[in-house]
Amino acid sequence: MNQEVTDYIKKLQPWQIKVCEALRKMVKETIPEAEERLQYGKPHYLKNGHYAAVIHAAKDKISFMFFNATELEEIKGYLKSMSAPDRKTASIVEGQEVNYKQLATFLKKTSKSL
């Protein structure tokens, strides 16, 4: 585990820490060889030198971005397209039930060819 990422997570609100730690664990289980690093002020996960995912904490939510995600379908109110066509982001708010298995399935699919 990258210490800079640990420090980033420790500064968040308690509910955000819980979500970020669960996302971090999910990424490690889904892509064991992923490199974890703090880049552009956010935790990034790379597979074979290519971006696979990013965690971003905002005031009222956590965003989990998938790269190489053109094949993922949008889910209204949850998984949306970004300005770049190959990126999709899941937004998580306080108190929301998070389906980490579903996110792992998405991550496995989007990172398979990296």
N, C-alpha and C. Protein backbone atom coordinates (compact mmCIF):
# COMPACT_ATOMS: atom_id res chain seq x y z
N MET A 1 0.83 -1.19 0.00
CA MET A 1 0.00 0.00 0.00
C MET A 1 0.88 1.26 0.00
N ASN A 2 0.46 2.21 -0.77
CA ASN A 2 1.21 3.46 -0.92
C ASN A 2 0.90 4.39 0.27
N GLN A 3 1.92 4.87 0.94
CA GLN A 3 1.73 5.72 2.13
C GLN A 3 1.06 7.04 1.78
N GLU A 4 1.37 7.61 0.62
CA GLU A 4 0.72 8.87 0.23
C GLU A 4 -0.79 8.67 0.06
N VAL A 5 -1.19 7.52 -0.46
CA VAL A 5 -2.62 7.23 -0.61
C VAL A 5 -3.25 7.04 0.77
N THR A 6 -2.56 6.36 1.65
CA THR A 6 -3.04 6.19 3.02
C THR A 6 -3.25 7.54 3.68
N ASP A 7 -2.30 8.44 3.54
CA ASP A 7 -2.40 9.78 4.11
C ASP A 7 -3.58 10.57 3.52
N TYR A 8 -3.79 10.44 2.21
CA TYR A 8 -4.91 11.09 1.53
C TYR A 8 -6.23 10.62 2.15
N ILE A 9 -6.37 9.32 2.33
CA ILE A 9 -7.61 8.75 2.85
C ILE A 9 -7.84 9.15 4.30
N LYS A 10 -6.79 9.17 5.11
CA LYS A 10 -6.92 9.50 6.54
C LYS A 10 -7.48 10.90 6.79
N LYS A 11 -7.35 11.80 5.82
CA LYS A 11 -7.80 13.19 5.99
C LYS A 11 -9.29 13.38 5.69
N LEU A 12 -9.96 12.33 5.25
CA LEU A 12 -11.35 12.44 4.83
C LEU A 12 -12.32 12.29 5.99
N GLN A 13 -13.60 12.48 5.69
CA GLN A 13 -14.66 12.28 6.67
C GLN A 13 -14.76 10.77 6.97
N PRO A 14 -15.23 10.40 8.16
CA PRO A 14 -15.29 8.97 8.53
C PRO A 14 -16.01 8.09 7.50
N TRP A 15 -17.14 8.53 6.96
CA TRP A 15 -17.85 7.70 5.98
C TRP A 15 -17.04 7.56 4.70
N GLN A 16 -16.30 8.64 4.32
CA GLN A 16 -15.48 8.59 3.12
C GLN A 16 -14.28 7.65 3.31
N ILE A 17 -13.72 7.65 4.51
CA ILE A 17 -12.60 6.76 4.80
C ILE A 17 -13.05 5.31 4.60
N LYS A 18 -14.22 4.99 5.13
CA LYS A 18 -14.75 3.63 5.02
C LYS A 18 -14.92 3.23 3.55
N VAL A 19 -15.51 4.11 2.75
CA VAL A 19 -15.73 3.83 1.33
C VAL A 19 -14.40 3.71 0.59
N CYS A 20 -13.49 4.64 0.83
CA CYS A 20 -12.19 4.62 0.14
C CYS A 20 -11.38 3.38 0.49
N GLU A 21 -11.39 2.99 1.74
CA GLU A 21 -10.67 1.77 2.13
C GLU A 21 -11.28 0.54 1.47
N ALA A 22 -12.60 0.50 1.38
CA ALA A 22 -13.26 -0.62 0.71
C ALA A 22 -12.94 -0.63 -0.79
N LEU A 23 -12.93 0.54 -1.41
CA LEU A 23 -12.57 0.63 -2.83
C LEU A 23 -11.12 0.20 -3.05
N ARG A 24 -10.26 0.65 -2.18
CA ARG A 24 -8.83 0.30 -2.26
C ARG A 24 -8.65 -1.22 -2.17
N LYS A 25 -9.34 -1.83 -1.24
CA LYS A 25 -9.27 -3.28 -1.07
C LYS A 25 -9.82 -3.99 -2.30
N MET A 26 -10.93 -3.50 -2.81
CA MET A 26 -11.56 -4.09 -3.98
C MET A 26 -10.63 -4.04 -5.19
N VAL A 27 -9.95 -2.90 -5.38
CA VAL A 27 -9.02 -2.79 -6.50
C VAL A 27 -7.89 -3.80 -6.35
N LYS A 28 -7.34 -3.90 -5.16
CA LYS A 28 -6.22 -4.82 -4.92
C LYS A 28 -6.63 -6.28 -5.15
N GLU A 29 -7.86 -6.62 -4.76
CA GLU A 29 -8.36 -7.99 -4.97
C GLU A 29 -8.67 -8.25 -6.44
N THR A 30 -9.14 -7.23 -7.15
CA THR A 30 -9.55 -7.38 -8.55
C THR A 30 -8.34 -7.35 -9.49
N ILE A 31 -7.40 -6.45 -9.21
CA ILE A 31 -6.18 -6.32 -10.02
C ILE A 31 -4.99 -6.40 -9.06
N PRO A 32 -4.60 -7.60 -8.64
CA PRO A 32 -3.52 -7.73 -7.65
C PRO A 32 -2.21 -7.06 -8.06
N GLU A 33 -1.96 -7.01 -9.35
CA GLU A 33 -0.71 -6.42 -9.83
C GLU A 33 -0.78 -4.91 -10.03
N ALA A 34 -1.91 -4.29 -9.70
CA ALA A 34 -2.08 -2.85 -9.91
C ALA A 34 -1.09 -2.05 -9.07
N GLU A 35 -0.56 -1.02 -9.69
CA GLU A 35 0.31 -0.07 -8.98
C GLU A 35 -0.58 1.02 -8.40
N GLU A 36 -0.40 1.30 -7.12
CA GLU A 36 -1.16 2.34 -6.44
C GLU A 36 -0.25 3.53 -6.23
N ARG A 37 -0.73 4.72 -6.62
CA ARG A 37 0.07 5.92 -6.38
C ARG A 37 -0.82 7.15 -6.32
N LEU A 38 -0.31 8.18 -5.64
CA LEU A 38 -1.00 9.45 -5.58
C LEU A 38 -0.50 10.28 -6.75
N GLN A 39 -1.41 10.65 -7.62
CA GLN A 39 -1.06 11.44 -8.80
C GLN A 39 -2.14 12.48 -9.00
N TYR A 40 -1.74 13.71 -9.32
CA TYR A 40 -2.69 14.82 -9.45
C TYR A 40 -3.52 14.97 -8.18
N GLY A 41 -2.95 14.59 -7.04
CA GLY A 41 -3.62 14.74 -5.75
C GLY A 41 -4.67 13.70 -5.43
N LYS A 42 -4.76 12.64 -6.26
CA LYS A 42 -5.78 11.60 -6.05
C LYS A 42 -5.15 10.21 -6.18
N PRO A 43 -5.72 9.21 -5.50
CA PRO A 43 -5.23 7.83 -5.66
C PRO A 43 -5.54 7.31 -7.06
N HIS A 44 -4.49 6.88 -7.74
CA HIS A 44 -4.61 6.29 -9.08
C HIS A 44 -4.15 4.84 -9.02
N TYR A 45 -4.75 4.03 -9.87
CA TYR A 45 -4.39 2.61 -9.97
C TYR A 45 -4.05 2.30 -11.41
N LEU A 46 -2.85 1.76 -11.61
CA LEU A 46 -2.37 1.46 -12.95
C LEU A 46 -2.10 -0.03 -13.10
N LYS A 47 -2.39 -0.53 -14.28
CA LYS A 47 -2.09 -1.92 -14.62
C LYS A 47 -1.22 -1.88 -15.86
N ASN A 48 -0.05 -2.48 -15.75
CA ASN A 48 0.92 -2.48 -16.86
C ASN A 48 1.20 -1.08 -17.38
N GLY A 49 1.24 -0.11 -16.47
CA GLY A 49 1.54 1.27 -16.84
C GLY A 49 0.37 2.05 -17.40
N HIS A 50 -0.81 1.46 -17.47
CA HIS A 50 -2.00 2.12 -18.00
C HIS A 50 -2.99 2.40 -16.88
N TYR A 51 -3.65 3.56 -16.94
CA TYR A 51 -4.63 3.91 -15.92
C TYR A 51 -5.79 2.92 -15.94
N ALA A 52 -6.15 2.43 -14.76
CA ALA A 52 -7.29 1.52 -14.61
C ALA A 52 -8.41 2.20 -13.83
N ALA A 53 -8.06 2.96 -12.76
CA ALA A 53 -9.08 3.57 -11.91
C ALA A 53 -8.51 4.72 -11.09
N VAL A 54 -9.40 5.58 -10.62
CA VAL A 54 -9.05 6.71 -9.77
C VAL A 54 -10.12 6.86 -8.70
N ILE A 55 -9.68 7.16 -7.48
CA ILE A 55 -10.60 7.52 -6.40
C ILE A 55 -10.47 9.02 -6.18
N HIS A 56 -11.61 9.70 -6.09
CA HIS A 56 -11.59 11.14 -5.84
C HIS A 56 -12.63 11.48 -4.77
N ALA A 57 -12.16 12.11 -3.72
CA ALA A 57 -13.07 12.54 -2.66
C ALA A 57 -13.43 14.00 -2.85
N ALA A 58 -14.72 14.29 -2.84
CA ALA A 58 -15.22 15.66 -2.87
C ALA A 58 -15.94 15.89 -1.54
N LYS A 59 -16.41 17.08 -1.34
CA LYS A 59 -17.05 17.44 -0.07
C LYS A 59 -18.19 16.50 0.31
N ASP A 60 -19.02 16.15 -0.68
CA ASP A 60 -20.23 15.38 -0.37
C ASP A 60 -20.31 14.02 -1.06
N LYS A 61 -19.23 13.58 -1.71
CA LYS A 61 -19.27 12.29 -2.39
C LYS A 61 -17.87 11.73 -2.61
N ILE A 62 -17.85 10.47 -3.01
CA ILE A 62 -16.64 9.81 -3.47
C ILE A 62 -16.92 9.41 -4.92
N SER A 63 -15.99 9.70 -5.79
CA SER A 63 -16.10 9.28 -7.18
C SER A 63 -15.08 8.18 -7.44
N PHE A 64 -15.51 7.16 -8.14
CA PHE A 64 -14.62 6.07 -8.54
C PHE A 64 -14.67 6.00 -10.05
N MET A 65 -13.57 6.39 -10.70
CA MET A 65 -13.53 6.46 -12.15
C MET A 65 -12.87 5.23 -12.75
N PHE A 66 -13.52 4.69 -13.78
CA PHE A 66 -12.98 3.59 -14.56
C PHE A 66 -12.42 4.14 -15.86
N PHE A 67 -11.27 3.68 -16.25
CA PHE A 67 -10.71 3.99 -17.56
C PHE A 67 -10.99 2.82 -18.49
N ASN A 68 -10.87 3.04 -19.80
CA ASN A 68 -11.07 1.96 -20.78
C ASN A 68 -12.49 1.40 -20.64
N ALA A 69 -13.45 2.30 -20.40
CA ALA A 69 -14.80 1.89 -20.01
C ALA A 69 -15.86 2.14 -21.08
N THR A 70 -15.47 2.19 -22.34
CA THR A 70 -16.44 2.48 -23.39
C THR A 70 -17.57 1.45 -23.45
N GLU A 71 -17.31 0.21 -23.04
CA GLU A 71 -18.33 -0.84 -23.10
C GLU A 71 -19.28 -0.85 -21.90
N LEU A 72 -18.96 -0.11 -20.86
CA LEU A 72 -19.86 -0.07 -19.69
C LEU A 72 -21.07 0.81 -20.01
N GLU A 73 -22.23 0.29 -19.67
CA GLU A 73 -23.47 1.07 -19.85
C GLU A 73 -23.65 2.02 -18.68
N GLU A 74 -24.18 3.19 -18.95
CA GLU A 74 -24.48 4.13 -17.88
C GLU A 74 -25.62 3.57 -17.01
N ILE A 75 -25.58 3.92 -15.72
CA ILE A 75 -26.65 3.57 -14.80
C ILE A 75 -27.13 4.89 -14.21
N LYS A 76 -28.34 5.28 -14.56
CA LYS A 76 -28.86 6.58 -14.17
C LYS A 76 -28.70 6.82 -12.67
N GLY A 77 -28.12 7.96 -12.33
CA GLY A 77 -27.93 8.36 -10.95
C GLY A 77 -26.76 7.69 -10.25
N TYR A 78 -26.01 6.86 -10.98
CA TYR A 78 -24.92 6.12 -10.32
C TYR A 78 -23.65 6.05 -11.17
N LEU A 79 -23.74 5.52 -12.37
CA LEU A 79 -22.57 5.38 -13.24
C LEU A 79 -22.78 6.23 -14.47
N LYS A 80 -21.94 7.24 -14.63
CA LYS A 80 -22.15 8.15 -15.75
C LYS A 80 -20.88 8.33 -16.56
N SER A 81 -21.07 8.75 -17.80
CA SER A 81 -19.96 9.01 -18.71
C SER A 81 -19.29 10.32 -18.32
N MET A 82 -18.01 10.38 -18.61
CA MET A 82 -17.24 11.60 -18.38
C MET A 82 -17.03 12.30 -19.71
N SER A 83 -16.30 13.39 -19.71
CA SER A 83 -16.05 14.12 -20.95
C SER A 83 -15.25 13.28 -21.94
N ALA A 84 -14.37 12.44 -21.44
CA ALA A 84 -13.63 11.52 -22.30
C ALA A 84 -14.49 10.27 -22.50
N PRO A 85 -14.67 9.83 -23.74
CA PRO A 85 -15.58 8.71 -24.00
C PRO A 85 -15.18 7.37 -23.39
N ASP A 86 -13.92 7.23 -23.00
CA ASP A 86 -13.46 5.95 -22.45
C ASP A 86 -13.50 5.92 -20.92
N ARG A 87 -14.15 6.89 -20.30
CA ARG A 87 -14.20 6.96 -18.83
C ARG A 87 -15.63 6.99 -18.33
N LYS A 88 -15.85 6.26 -17.24
CA LYS A 88 -17.14 6.28 -16.56
C LYS A 88 -16.86 6.43 -15.06
N THR A 89 -17.75 7.12 -14.37
CA THR A 89 -17.57 7.37 -12.95
C THR A 89 -18.79 6.94 -12.15
N ALA A 90 -18.51 6.21 -11.07
CA ALA A 90 -19.55 5.86 -10.09
C ALA A 90 -19.46 6.89 -8.97
N SER A 91 -20.60 7.48 -8.64
CA SER A 91 -20.66 8.47 -7.56
C SER A 91 -21.29 7.83 -6.34
N ILE A 92 -20.63 7.99 -5.19
CA ILE A 92 -21.09 7.39 -3.94
C ILE A 92 -21.27 8.51 -2.92
N VAL A 93 -22.43 8.55 -2.29
CA VAL A 93 -22.72 9.57 -1.29
C VAL A 93 -22.91 8.90 0.07
N GLU A 94 -22.86 9.71 1.11
CA GLU A 94 -22.99 9.20 2.47
C GLU A 94 -24.30 8.44 2.65
N GLY A 95 -24.21 7.28 3.27
CA GLY A 95 -25.37 6.47 3.56
C GLY A 95 -25.81 5.56 2.42
N GLN A 96 -25.19 5.71 1.27
CA GLN A 96 -25.56 4.90 0.11
C GLN A 96 -25.02 3.47 0.26
N GLU A 97 -25.84 2.51 -0.10
CA GLU A 97 -25.41 1.11 -0.15
C GLU A 97 -24.53 0.95 -1.39
N VAL A 98 -23.32 0.46 -1.20
CA VAL A 98 -22.37 0.32 -2.32
C VAL A 98 -22.23 -1.15 -2.67
N ASN A 99 -22.43 -1.44 -3.94
CA ASN A 99 -22.28 -2.81 -4.43
C ASN A 99 -20.84 -2.97 -4.93
N TYR A 100 -19.93 -3.32 -4.01
CA TYR A 100 -18.52 -3.45 -4.36
C TYR A 100 -18.28 -4.61 -5.32
N LYS A 101 -19.11 -5.65 -5.25
CA LYS A 101 -18.98 -6.77 -6.21
C LYS A 101 -19.24 -6.28 -7.62
N GLN A 102 -20.27 -5.45 -7.78
CA GLN A 102 -20.58 -4.90 -9.10
C GLN A 102 -19.43 -4.02 -9.59
N LEU A 103 -18.90 -3.17 -8.72
CA LEU A 103 -17.77 -2.32 -9.11
C LEU A 103 -16.56 -3.17 -9.49
N ALA A 104 -16.34 -4.26 -8.76
CA ALA A 104 -15.23 -5.17 -9.09
C ALA A 104 -15.44 -5.81 -10.45
N THR A 105 -16.68 -6.18 -10.76
CA THR A 105 -16.99 -6.75 -12.07
C THR A 105 -16.70 -5.74 -13.17
N PHE A 106 -17.12 -4.49 -12.95
CA PHE A 106 -16.83 -3.43 -13.92
C PHE A 106 -15.32 -3.26 -14.10
N LEU A 107 -14.60 -3.21 -12.98
CA LEU A 107 -13.15 -2.99 -13.02
C LEU A 107 -12.45 -4.14 -13.72
N LYS A 108 -12.87 -5.35 -13.46
CA LYS A 108 -12.27 -6.52 -14.11
C LYS A 108 -12.46 -6.41 -15.62
N LYS A 109 -13.66 -6.02 -16.03
CA LYS A 109 -13.99 -5.89 -17.46
C LYS A 109 -13.17 -4.78 -18.11
N THR A 110 -13.10 -3.62 -17.45
CA THR A 110 -12.42 -2.48 -18.07
C THR A 110 -10.90 -2.61 -18.05
N SER A 111 -10.36 -3.36 -17.10
CA SER A 111 -8.89 -3.48 -17.01
C SER A 111 -8.35 -4.74 -17.68
N LYS A 112 -9.23 -5.58 -18.17
CA LYS A 112 -8.81 -6.86 -18.76
C LYS A 112 -7.78 -6.69 -19.87
N SER A 113 -7.98 -5.74 -20.75
CA SER A 113 -7.09 -5.58 -21.90
C SER A 113 -5.87 -4.69 -21.64
N LEU A 114 -5.73 -4.20 -20.41
CA LEU A 114 -4.60 -3.32 -20.11
C LEU A 114 -3.32 -4.11 -19.89
